[in-house]
Amino acid sequence: MCIRDRTKAIDLFDISKGQENMEQAITRLQGKLYCLSIDTDLLFPPYQVQEMTELRKKSGNSAAYYELKSIHGHDAFLIETAEMEAIFRQWLSE
């Protein structure tokens, strides 16, 4: 499998595939949902991550949301390691 096929699979991923809708897919997840977005991410825009978080909360399940501020767009998760680590440490201590 070439790299293009792997990135295509990521780009086409749909958590609601095989479900009635996104809300049903989010509701079926087990455990607490931790959602992190990057304010300049064009691949997974913050509004989509916020929507998932709100759907989860609406269903009565636990969810946490954090928006990372970065000029690096989607790749910030590879660059902003110190801030990412702090966020994950906080979530893991809950």
PDB file of N, CA and C in Angstrom:
ATOM      1  N   MET A   1       0.864  -1.177   0.000  1.00  0.00           N
ATOM      2  CA  MET A   1       0.000   0.000   0.000  1.00  0.00           C
ATOM      3  C   MET A   1       0.908   1.238   0.000  1.00  0.00           C
ATOM      4  N   CYS A   2       0.653   2.134  -0.899  1.00  0.00           N
ATOM      5  CA  CYS A   2       1.480   3.344  -0.985  1.00  0.00           C
ATOM      6  C   CYS A   2       0.949   4.413  -0.016  1.00  0.00           C
ATOM      7  N   ILE A   3       1.773   5.399   0.239  1.00  0.00           N
ATOM      8  CA  ILE A   3       1.433   6.468   1.197  1.00  0.00           C
ATOM      9  C   ILE A   3       0.168   7.209   0.784  1.00  0.00           C
ATOM     10  N   ARG A   4      -0.039   7.395  -0.511  1.00  0.00           N
ATOM     11  CA  ARG A   4      -1.235   8.100  -0.994  1.00  0.00           C
ATOM     12  C   ARG A   4      -2.500   7.353  -0.575  1.00  0.00           C
ATOM     13  N   ASP A   5      -2.464   6.015  -0.655  1.00  0.00           N
ATOM     14  CA  ASP A   5      -3.622   5.222  -0.247  1.00  0.00           C
ATOM     15  C   ASP A   5      -3.877   5.337   1.245  1.00  0.00           C
ATOM     16  N   ARG A   6      -2.806   5.404   2.036  1.00  0.00           N
ATOM     17  CA  ARG A   6      -2.965   5.541   3.484  1.00  0.00           C
ATOM     18  C   ARG A   6      -3.559   6.885   3.850  1.00  0.00           C
ATOM     19  N   THR A   7      -3.086   7.949   3.244  1.00  0.00           N
ATOM     20  CA  THR A   7      -3.643   9.264   3.563  1.00  0.00           C
ATOM     21  C   THR A   7      -5.070   9.390   3.047  1.00  0.00           C
ATOM     22  N   LYS A   8      -5.373   8.738   1.942  1.00  0.00           N
ATOM     23  CA  LYS A   8      -6.745   8.750   1.427  1.00  0.00           C
ATOM     24  C   LYS A   8      -7.686   8.083   2.426  1.00  0.00           C
ATOM     25  N   ALA A   9      -7.254   6.974   3.012  1.00  0.00           N
ATOM     26  CA  ALA A   9      -8.067   6.274   4.005  1.00  0.00           C
ATOM     27  C   ALA A   9      -8.348   7.180   5.201  1.00  0.00           C
ATOM     28  N   ILE A  10      -7.351   7.919   5.636  1.00  0.00           N
ATOM     29  CA  ILE A  10      -7.540   8.845   6.753  1.00  0.00           C
ATOM     30  C   ILE A  10      -8.507   9.959   6.359  1.00  0.00           C
ATOM     31  N   ASP A  11      -8.332  10.508   5.163  1.00  0.00           N
ATOM     32  CA  ASP A  11      -9.193  11.595   4.700  1.00  0.00           C
ATOM     33  C   ASP A  11     -10.650  11.156   4.560  1.00  0.00           C
ATOM     34  N   LEU A  12     -10.879   9.899   4.221  1.00  0.00           N
ATOM     35  CA  LEU A  12     -12.231   9.403   3.995  1.00  0.00           C
ATOM     36  C   LEU A  12     -12.878   8.796   5.243  1.00  0.00           C
ATOM     37  N   PHE A  13     -12.134   8.720   6.365  1.00  0.00           N
ATOM     38  CA  PHE A  13     -12.676   8.117   7.575  1.00  0.00           C
ATOM     39  C   PHE A  13     -13.939   8.843   8.012  1.00  0.00           C
ATOM     40  N   ASP A  14     -14.955   8.069   8.339  1.00  0.00           N
ATOM     41  CA  ASP A  14     -16.236   8.622   8.789  1.00  0.00           C
ATOM     42  C   ASP A  14     -16.716   7.788   9.969  1.00  0.00           C
ATOM     43  N   ILE A  15     -16.650   8.355  11.167  1.00  0.00           N
ATOM     44  CA  ILE A  15     -17.032   7.619  12.370  1.00  0.00           C
ATOM     45  C   ILE A  15     -18.494   7.172  12.325  1.00  0.00           C
ATOM     46  N   SER A  16     -19.311   7.844  11.550  1.00  0.00           N
ATOM     47  CA  SER A  16     -20.730   7.502  11.505  1.00  0.00           C
ATOM     48  C   SER A  16     -21.063   6.467  10.424  1.00  0.00           C
ATOM     49  N   LYS A  17     -20.080   6.016   9.673  1.00  0.00           N
ATOM     50  CA  LYS A  17     -20.338   5.012   8.626  1.00  0.00           C
ATOM     51  C   LYS A  17     -20.929   3.752   9.267  1.00  0.00           C
ATOM     52  N   GLY A  18     -22.030   3.291   8.714  1.00  0.00           N
ATOM     53  CA  GLY A  18     -22.709   2.112   9.240  1.00  0.00           C
ATOM     54  C   GLY A  18     -23.665   2.418  10.377  1.00  0.00           C
ATOM     55  N   GLN A  19     -23.726   3.674  10.783  1.00  0.00           N
ATOM     56  CA  GLN A  19     -24.648   4.100  11.832  1.00  0.00           C
ATOM     57  C   GLN A  19     -25.763   4.919  11.196  1.00  0.00           C
ATOM     58  N   GLU A  20     -26.797   5.133  11.947  1.00  0.00           N
ATOM     59  CA  GLU A  20     -27.909   5.931  11.439  1.00  0.00           C
ATOM     60  C   GLU A  20     -27.490   7.376  11.199  1.00  0.00           C
ATOM     61  N   ASN A  21     -26.664   7.900  12.121  1.00  0.00           N
ATOM     62  CA  ASN A  21     -26.199   9.280  12.017  1.00  0.00           C
ATOM     63  C   ASN A  21     -24.995   9.484  12.944  1.00  0.00           C
ATOM     64  N   MET A  22     -24.434  10.664  12.931  1.00  0.00           N
ATOM     65  CA  MET A  22     -23.272  10.975  13.761  1.00  0.00           C
ATOM     66  C   MET A  22     -23.615  10.858  15.247  1.00  0.00           C
ATOM     67  N   GLU A  23     -24.789  11.317  15.633  1.00  0.00           N
ATOM     68  CA  GLU A  23     -25.179  11.271  17.044  1.00  0.00           C
ATOM     69  C   GLU A  23     -25.194   9.829  17.558  1.00  0.00           C
ATOM     70  N   GLN A  24     -25.715   8.913  16.762  1.00  0.00           N
ATOM     71  CA  GLN A  24     -25.740   7.511  17.173  1.00  0.00           C
ATOM     72  C   GLN A  24     -24.318   6.960  17.314  1.00  0.00           C
ATOM     73  N   ALA A  25     -23.464   7.316  16.393  1.00  0.00           N
ATOM     74  CA  ALA A  25     -22.078   6.837  16.441  1.00  0.00           C
ATOM     75  C   ALA A  25     -21.364   7.347  17.686  1.00  0.00           C
ATOM     76  N   ILE A  26     -21.532   8.621  18.000  1.00  0.00           N
ATOM     77  CA  ILE A  26     -20.888   9.228  19.164  1.00  0.00           C
ATOM     78  C   ILE A  26     -21.448   8.641  20.458  1.00  0.00           C
ATOM     79  N   THR A  27     -22.743   8.402  20.491  1.00  0.00           N
ATOM     80  CA  THR A  27     -23.397   7.865  21.683  1.00  0.00           C
ATOM     81  C   THR A  27     -22.912   6.449  21.988  1.00  0.00           C
ATOM     82  N   ARG A  28     -22.587   5.685  20.970  1.00  0.00           N
ATOM     83  CA  ARG A  28     -22.188   4.291  21.161  1.00  0.00           C
ATOM     84  C   ARG A  28     -20.760   4.132  21.683  1.00  0.00           C
ATOM     85  N   LEU A  29     -19.970   5.188  21.619  1.00  0.00           N
ATOM     86  CA  LEU A  29     -18.604   5.113  22.138  1.00  0.00           C
ATOM     87  C   LEU A  29     -18.647   4.887  23.639  1.00  0.00           C
ATOM     88  N   GLN A  30     -17.715   4.107  24.143  1.00  0.00           N
ATOM     89  CA  GLN A  30     -17.648   3.849  25.580  1.00  0.00           C
ATOM     90  C   GLN A  30     -16.553   4.697  26.203  1.00  0.00           C
ATOM     91  N   GLY A  31     -16.741   5.043  27.465  1.00  0.00           N
ATOM     92  CA  GLY A  31     -15.757   5.840  28.175  1.00  0.00           C
ATOM     93  C   GLY A  31     -15.941   7.318  27.924  1.00  0.00           C
ATOM     94  N   LYS A  32     -15.065   8.105  28.529  1.00  0.00           N
ATOM     95  CA  LYS A  32     -15.119   9.555  28.361  1.00  0.00           C
ATOM     96  C   LYS A  32     -14.495   9.926  27.024  1.00  0.00           C
ATOM     97  N   LEU A  33     -15.095  10.862  26.337  1.00  0.00           N
ATOM     98  CA  LEU A  33     -14.590  11.316  25.041  1.00  0.00           C
ATOM     99  C   LEU A  33     -13.780  12.595  25.249  1.00  0.00           C
ATOM    100  N   TYR A  34     -12.528  12.561  24.844  1.00  0.00           N
ATOM    101  CA  TYR A  34     -11.649  13.726  24.931  1.00  0.00           C
ATOM    102  C   TYR A  34     -11.429  14.246  23.518  1.00  0.00           C
ATOM    103  N   CYS A  35     -11.812  15.477  23.277  1.00  0.00           N
ATOM    104  CA  CYS A  35     -11.719  16.059  21.938  1.00  0.00           C
ATOM    105  C   CYS A  35     -10.767  17.245  21.954  1.00  0.00           C
ATOM    106  N   LEU A  36      -9.795  17.200  21.081  1.00  0.00           N
ATOM    107  CA  LEU A  36      -8.828  18.277  20.966  1.00  0.00           C
ATOM    108  C   LEU A  36      -8.830  18.759  19.529  1.00  0.00           C
ATOM    109  N   SER A  37      -8.966  20.050  19.357  1.00  0.00           N
ATOM    110  CA  SER A  37      -8.904  20.617  18.012  1.00  0.00           C
ATOM    111  C   SER A  37      -7.821  21.683  17.971  1.00  0.00           C
ATOM    112  N   ILE A  38      -7.466  22.045  16.775  1.00  0.00           N
ATOM    113  CA  ILE A  38      -6.461  23.090  16.556  1.00  0.00           C
ATOM    114  C   ILE A  38      -7.148  24.209  15.795  1.00  0.00           C
ATOM    115  N   ASP A  39      -7.052  25.411  16.314  1.00  0.00           N
ATOM    116  CA  ASP A  39      -7.838  26.527  15.767  1.00  0.00           C
ATOM    117  C   ASP A  39      -7.584  26.788  14.282  1.00  0.00           C
ATOM    118  N   THR A  40      -6.430  26.400  13.762  1.00  0.00           N
ATOM    119  CA  THR A  40      -6.100  26.648  12.349  1.00  0.00           C
ATOM    120  C   THR A  40      -6.126  25.371  11.506  1.00  0.00           C
ATOM    121  N   ASP A  41      -6.677  24.285  12.035  1.00  0.00           N
ATOM    122  CA  ASP A  41      -6.732  23.006  11.326  1.00  0.00           C
ATOM    123  C   ASP A  41      -7.820  23.061  10.252  1.00  0.00           C
ATOM    124  N   LEU A  42      -7.420  22.844   9.014  1.00  0.00           N
ATOM    125  CA  LEU A  42      -8.381  22.837   7.907  1.00  0.00           C
ATOM    126  C   LEU A  42      -8.887  21.425   7.600  1.00  0.00           C
ATOM    127  N   LEU A  43      -8.126  20.401   8.002  1.00  0.00           N
ATOM    128  CA  LEU A  43      -8.529  19.020   7.749  1.00  0.00           C
ATOM    129  C   LEU A  43      -9.637  18.585   8.705  1.00  0.00           C
ATOM    130  N   PHE A  44      -9.486  18.916   9.976  1.00  0.00           N
ATOM    131  CA  PHE A  44     -10.498  18.651  10.996  1.00  0.00           C
ATOM    132  C   PHE A  44     -10.802  19.965  11.711  1.00  0.00           C
ATOM    133  N   PRO A  45     -11.635  20.813  11.116  1.00  0.00           N
ATOM    134  CA  PRO A  45     -11.907  22.143  11.681  1.00  0.00           C
ATOM    135  C   PRO A  45     -12.519  22.063  13.083  1.00  0.00           C
ATOM    136  N   PRO A  46     -12.202  23.043  13.921  1.00  0.00           N
ATOM    137  CA  PRO A  46     -12.729  23.037  15.292  1.00  0.00           C
ATOM    138  C   PRO A  46     -14.245  22.890  15.373  1.00  0.00           C
ATOM    139  N   TYR A  47     -14.986  23.473  14.455  1.00  0.00           N
ATOM    140  CA  TYR A  47     -16.446  23.367  14.552  1.00  0.00           C
ATOM    141  C   TYR A  47     -16.911  21.913  14.467  1.00  0.00           C
ATOM    142  N   GLN A  48     -16.192  21.072  13.714  1.00  0.00           N
ATOM    143  CA  GLN A  48     -16.570  19.664  13.619  1.00  0.00           C
ATOM    144  C   GLN A  48     -16.264  18.924  14.923  1.00  0.00           C
ATOM    145  N   VAL A  49     -15.146  19.239  15.531  1.00  0.00           N
ATOM    146  CA  VAL A  49     -14.766  18.609  16.795  1.00  0.00           C
ATOM    147  C   VAL A  49     -15.713  19.072  17.907  1.00  0.00           C
ATOM    148  N   GLN A  50     -16.078  20.353  17.886  1.00  0.00           N
ATOM    149  CA  GLN A  50     -17.036  20.877  18.865  1.00  0.00           C
ATOM    150  C   GLN A  50     -18.387  20.184  18.699  1.00  0.00           C
ATOM    151  N   GLU A  51     -18.792  19.955  17.457  1.00  0.00           N
ATOM    152  CA  GLU A  51     -20.066  19.281  17.199  1.00  0.00           C
ATOM    153  C   GLU A  51     -20.064  17.882  17.812  1.00  0.00           C
ATOM    154  N   MET A  52     -18.967  17.142  17.636  1.00  0.00           N
ATOM    155  CA  MET A  52     -18.873  15.809  18.227  1.00  0.00           C
ATOM    156  C   MET A  52     -18.979  15.887  19.750  1.00  0.00           C
ATOM    157  N   THR A  53     -18.291  16.850  20.334  1.00  0.00           N
ATOM    158  CA  THR A  53     -18.319  17.012  21.786  1.00  0.00           C
ATOM    159  C   THR A  53     -19.730  17.313  22.273  1.00  0.00           C
ATOM    160  N   GLU A  54     -20.408  18.213  21.600  1.00  0.00           N
ATOM    161  CA  GLU A  54     -21.767  18.584  22.009  1.00  0.00           C
ATOM    162  C   GLU A  54     -22.752  17.437  21.828  1.00  0.00           C
ATOM    163  N   LEU A  55     -22.619  16.668  20.751  1.00  0.00           N
ATOM    164  CA  LEU A  55     -23.490  15.506  20.551  1.00  0.00           C
ATOM    165  C   LEU A  55     -23.299  14.507  21.687  1.00  0.00           C
ATOM    166  N   ARG A  56     -22.065  14.320  22.076  1.00  0.00           N
ATOM    167  CA  ARG A  56     -21.760  13.390  23.166  1.00  0.00           C
ATOM    168  C   ARG A  56     -22.394  13.866  24.471  1.00  0.00           C
ATOM    169  N   LYS A  57     -22.241  15.139  24.784  1.00  0.00           N
ATOM    170  CA  LYS A  57     -22.817  15.688  26.008  1.00  0.00           C
ATOM    171  C   LYS A  57     -24.345  15.632  25.966  1.00  0.00           C
ATOM    172  N   LYS A  58     -24.913  15.919  24.804  1.00  0.00           N
ATOM    173  CA  LYS A  58     -26.367  15.894  24.628  1.00  0.00           C
ATOM    174  C   LYS A  58     -26.937  14.511  24.939  1.00  0.00           C
ATOM    175  N   SER A  59     -26.155  13.471  24.650  1.00  0.00           N
ATOM    176  CA  SER A  59     -26.617  12.100  24.895  1.00  0.00           C
ATOM    177  C   SER A  59     -26.455  11.693  26.361  1.00  0.00           C
ATOM    178  N   GLY A  60     -25.944  12.619  27.185  1.00  0.00           N
ATOM    179  CA  GLY A  60     -25.782  12.331  28.599  1.00  0.00           C
ATOM    180  C   GLY A  60     -24.463  11.660  28.939  1.00  0.00           C
ATOM    181  N   ASN A  61     -23.567  11.590  27.981  1.00  0.00           N
ATOM    182  CA  ASN A  61     -22.261  10.971  28.201  1.00  0.00           C
ATOM    183  C   ASN A  61     -21.197  12.046  28.412  1.00  0.00           C
ATOM    184  N   SER A  62     -20.096  11.633  28.982  1.00  0.00           N
ATOM    185  CA  SER A  62     -19.028  12.550  29.343  1.00  0.00           C
ATOM    186  C   SER A  62     -18.146  12.897  28.139  1.00  0.00           C
ATOM    187  N   ALA A  63     -17.801  14.175  28.038  1.00  0.00           N
ATOM    188  CA  ALA A  63     -16.916  14.636  26.966  1.00  0.00           C
ATOM    189  C   ALA A  63     -16.183  15.889  27.423  1.00  0.00           C
ATOM    190  N   ALA A  64     -14.934  16.000  26.986  1.00  0.00           N
ATOM    191  CA  ALA A  64     -14.128  17.184  27.276  1.00  0.00           C
ATOM    192  C   ALA A  64     -13.613  17.745  25.955  1.00  0.00           C
ATOM    193  N   TYR A  65     -13.509  19.056  25.876  1.00  0.00           N
ATOM    194  CA  TYR A  65     -13.056  19.711  24.648  1.00  0.00           C
ATOM    195  C   TYR A  65     -11.954  20.706  24.980  1.00  0.00           C
ATOM    196  N   TYR A  66     -10.945  20.735  24.139  1.00  0.00           N
ATOM    197  CA  TYR A  66      -9.883  21.732  24.247  1.00  0.00           C
ATOM    198  C   TYR A  66      -9.494  22.170  22.847  1.00  0.00           C
ATOM    199  N   GLU A  67      -9.296  23.480  22.681  1.00  0.00           N
ATOM    200  CA  GLU A  67      -8.866  24.005  21.381  1.00  0.00           C
ATOM    201  C   GLU A  67      -7.466  24.594  21.522  1.00  0.00           C
ATOM    202  N   LEU A  68      -6.537  24.007  20.830  1.00  0.00           N
ATOM    203  CA  LEU A  68      -5.146  24.433  20.826  1.00  0.00           C
ATOM    204  C   LEU A  68      -4.988  25.601  19.854  1.00  0.00           C
ATOM    205  N   LYS A  69      -4.338  26.648  20.311  1.00  0.00           N
ATOM    206  CA  LYS A  69      -4.053  27.800  19.454  1.00  0.00           C
ATOM    207  C   LYS A  69      -2.682  27.604  18.821  1.00  0.00           C
ATOM    208  N   SER A  70      -2.621  27.627  17.491  1.00  0.00           N
ATOM    209  CA  SER A  70      -1.356  27.400  16.807  1.00  0.00           C
ATOM    210  C   SER A  70      -1.408  27.955  15.389  1.00  0.00           C
ATOM    211  N   ILE A  71      -0.283  28.418  14.911  1.00  0.00           N
ATOM    212  CA  ILE A  71      -0.179  28.889  13.524  1.00  0.00           C
ATOM    213  C   ILE A  71       0.129  27.745  12.563  1.00  0.00           C
ATOM    214  N   HIS A  72       0.313  26.543  13.087  1.00  0.00           N
ATOM    215  CA  HIS A  72       0.779  25.420  12.281  1.00  0.00           C
ATOM    216  C   HIS A  72      -0.321  24.548  11.691  1.00  0.00           C
ATOM    217  N   GLY A  73      -1.564  24.917  11.847  1.00  0.00           N
ATOM    218  CA  GLY A  73      -2.657  24.150  11.259  1.00  0.00           C
ATOM    219  C   GLY A  73      -2.691  22.717  11.765  1.00  0.00           C
ATOM    220  N   HIS A  74      -3.091  21.798  10.895  1.00  0.00           N
ATOM    221  CA  HIS A  74      -3.243  20.393  11.261  1.00  0.00           C
ATOM    222  C   HIS A  74      -1.949  19.799  11.834  1.00  0.00           C
ATOM    223  N   ASP A  75      -0.814  20.233  11.357  1.00  0.00           N
ATOM    224  CA  ASP A  75       0.470  19.683  11.803  1.00  0.00           C
ATOM    225  C   ASP A  75       0.886  20.152  13.194  1.00  0.00           C
ATOM    226  N   ALA A  76       0.101  20.991  13.821  1.00  0.00           N
ATOM    227  CA  ALA A  76       0.446  21.475  15.161  1.00  0.00           C
ATOM    228  C   ALA A  76       0.604  20.325  16.142  1.00  0.00           C
ATOM    229  N   PHE A  77      -0.143  19.231  15.931  1.00  0.00           N
ATOM    230  CA  PHE A  77      -0.021  18.116  16.864  1.00  0.00           C
ATOM    231  C   PHE A  77       1.371  17.488  16.817  1.00  0.00           C
ATOM    232  N   LEU A  78       2.121  17.732  15.754  1.00  0.00           N
ATOM    233  CA  LEU A  78       3.493  17.246  15.632  1.00  0.00           C
ATOM    234  C   LEU A  78       4.513  18.257  16.153  1.00  0.00           C
ATOM    235  N   ILE A  79       4.097  19.512  16.250  1.00  0.00           N
ATOM    236  CA  ILE A  79       5.022  20.606  16.580  1.00  0.00           C
ATOM    237  C   ILE A  79       4.830  21.117  18.007  1.00  0.00           C
ATOM    238  N   GLU A  80       3.609  21.276  18.410  1.00  0.00           N
ATOM    239  CA  GLU A  80       3.277  21.861  19.725  1.00  0.00           C
ATOM    240  C   GLU A  80       3.274  20.770  20.806  1.00  0.00           C
ATOM    241  N   THR A  81       4.362  20.026  20.907  1.00  0.00           N
ATOM    242  CA  THR A  81       4.389  18.855  21.785  1.00  0.00           C
ATOM    243  C   THR A  81       4.274  19.207  23.272  1.00  0.00           C
ATOM    244  N   ALA A  82       4.861  20.295  23.704  1.00  0.00           N
ATOM    245  CA  ALA A  82       4.796  20.661  25.121  1.00  0.00           C
ATOM    246  C   ALA A  82       3.359  20.962  25.537  1.00  0.00           C
ATOM    247  N   GLU A  83       2.648  21.730  24.726  1.00  0.00           N
ATOM    248  CA  GLU A  83       1.257  22.049  25.071  1.00  0.00           C
ATOM    249  C   GLU A  83       0.373  20.802  24.975  1.00  0.00           C
ATOM    250  N   MET A  84       0.607  19.983  23.959  1.00  0.00           N
ATOM    251  CA  MET A  84      -0.159  18.743  23.825  1.00  0.00           C
ATOM    252  C   MET A  84       0.060  17.851  25.049  1.00  0.00           C
ATOM    253  N   GLU A  85       1.298  17.739  25.486  1.00  0.00           N
ATOM    254  CA  GLU A  85       1.605  16.913  26.655  1.00  0.00           C
ATOM    255  C   GLU A  85       0.877  17.433  27.886  1.00  0.00           C
ATOM    256  N   ALA A  86       0.851  18.734  28.068  1.00  0.00           N
ATOM    257  CA  ALA A  86       0.163  19.326  29.223  1.00  0.00           C
ATOM    258  C   ALA A  86      -1.334  19.007  29.190  1.00  0.00           C
ATOM    259  N   ILE A  87      -1.929  19.085  28.029  1.00  0.00           N
ATOM    260  CA  ILE A  87      -3.358  18.785  27.886  1.00  0.00           C
ATOM    261  C   ILE A  87      -3.618  17.323  28.230  1.00  0.00           C
ATOM    262  N   PHE A  88      -2.807  16.437  27.660  1.00  0.00           N
ATOM    263  CA  PHE A  88      -2.998  15.005  27.905  1.00  0.00           C
ATOM    264  C   PHE A  88      -2.760  14.648  29.369  1.00  0.00           C
ATOM    265  N   ARG A  89      -1.771  15.258  29.989  1.00  0.00           N
ATOM    266  CA  ARG A  89      -1.510  15.002  31.411  1.00  0.00           C
ATOM    267  C   ARG A  89      -2.712  15.422  32.261  1.00  0.00           C
ATOM    268  N   GLN A  90      -3.278  16.563  31.926  1.00  0.00           N
ATOM    269  CA  GLN A  90      -4.459  17.033  32.676  1.00  0.00           C
ATOM    270  C   GLN A  90      -5.606  16.050  32.513  1.00  0.00           C
ATOM    271  N   TRP A  91      -5.873  15.622  31.294  1.00  0.00           N
ATOM    272  CA  TRP A  91      -6.957  14.669  31.055  1.00  0.00           C
ATOM    273  C   TRP A  91      -6.714  13.344  31.757  1.00  0.00           C
ATOM    274  N   LEU A  92      -5.483  12.864  31.731  1.00  0.00           N
ATOM    275  CA  LEU A  92      -5.168  11.579  32.362  1.00  0.00           C
ATOM    276  C   LEU A  92      -5.275  11.628  33.878  1.00  0.00           C
ATOM    277  N   SER A  93      -5.137  12.823  34.446  1.00  0.00           N
ATOM    278  CA  SER A  93      -5.231  12.943  35.902  1.00  0.00           C
ATOM    279  C   SER A  93      -6.675  13.044  36.394  1.00  0.00           C
ATOM    280  N   GLU A  94      -7.610  13.174  35.491  1.00  0.00           N
ATOM    281  CA  GLU A  94      -9.034  13.289  35.885  1.00  0.00           C
ATOM    282  C   GLU A  94      -9.592  11.954  36.344  1.00  0.00           C
TER     283      GLU A  94
END
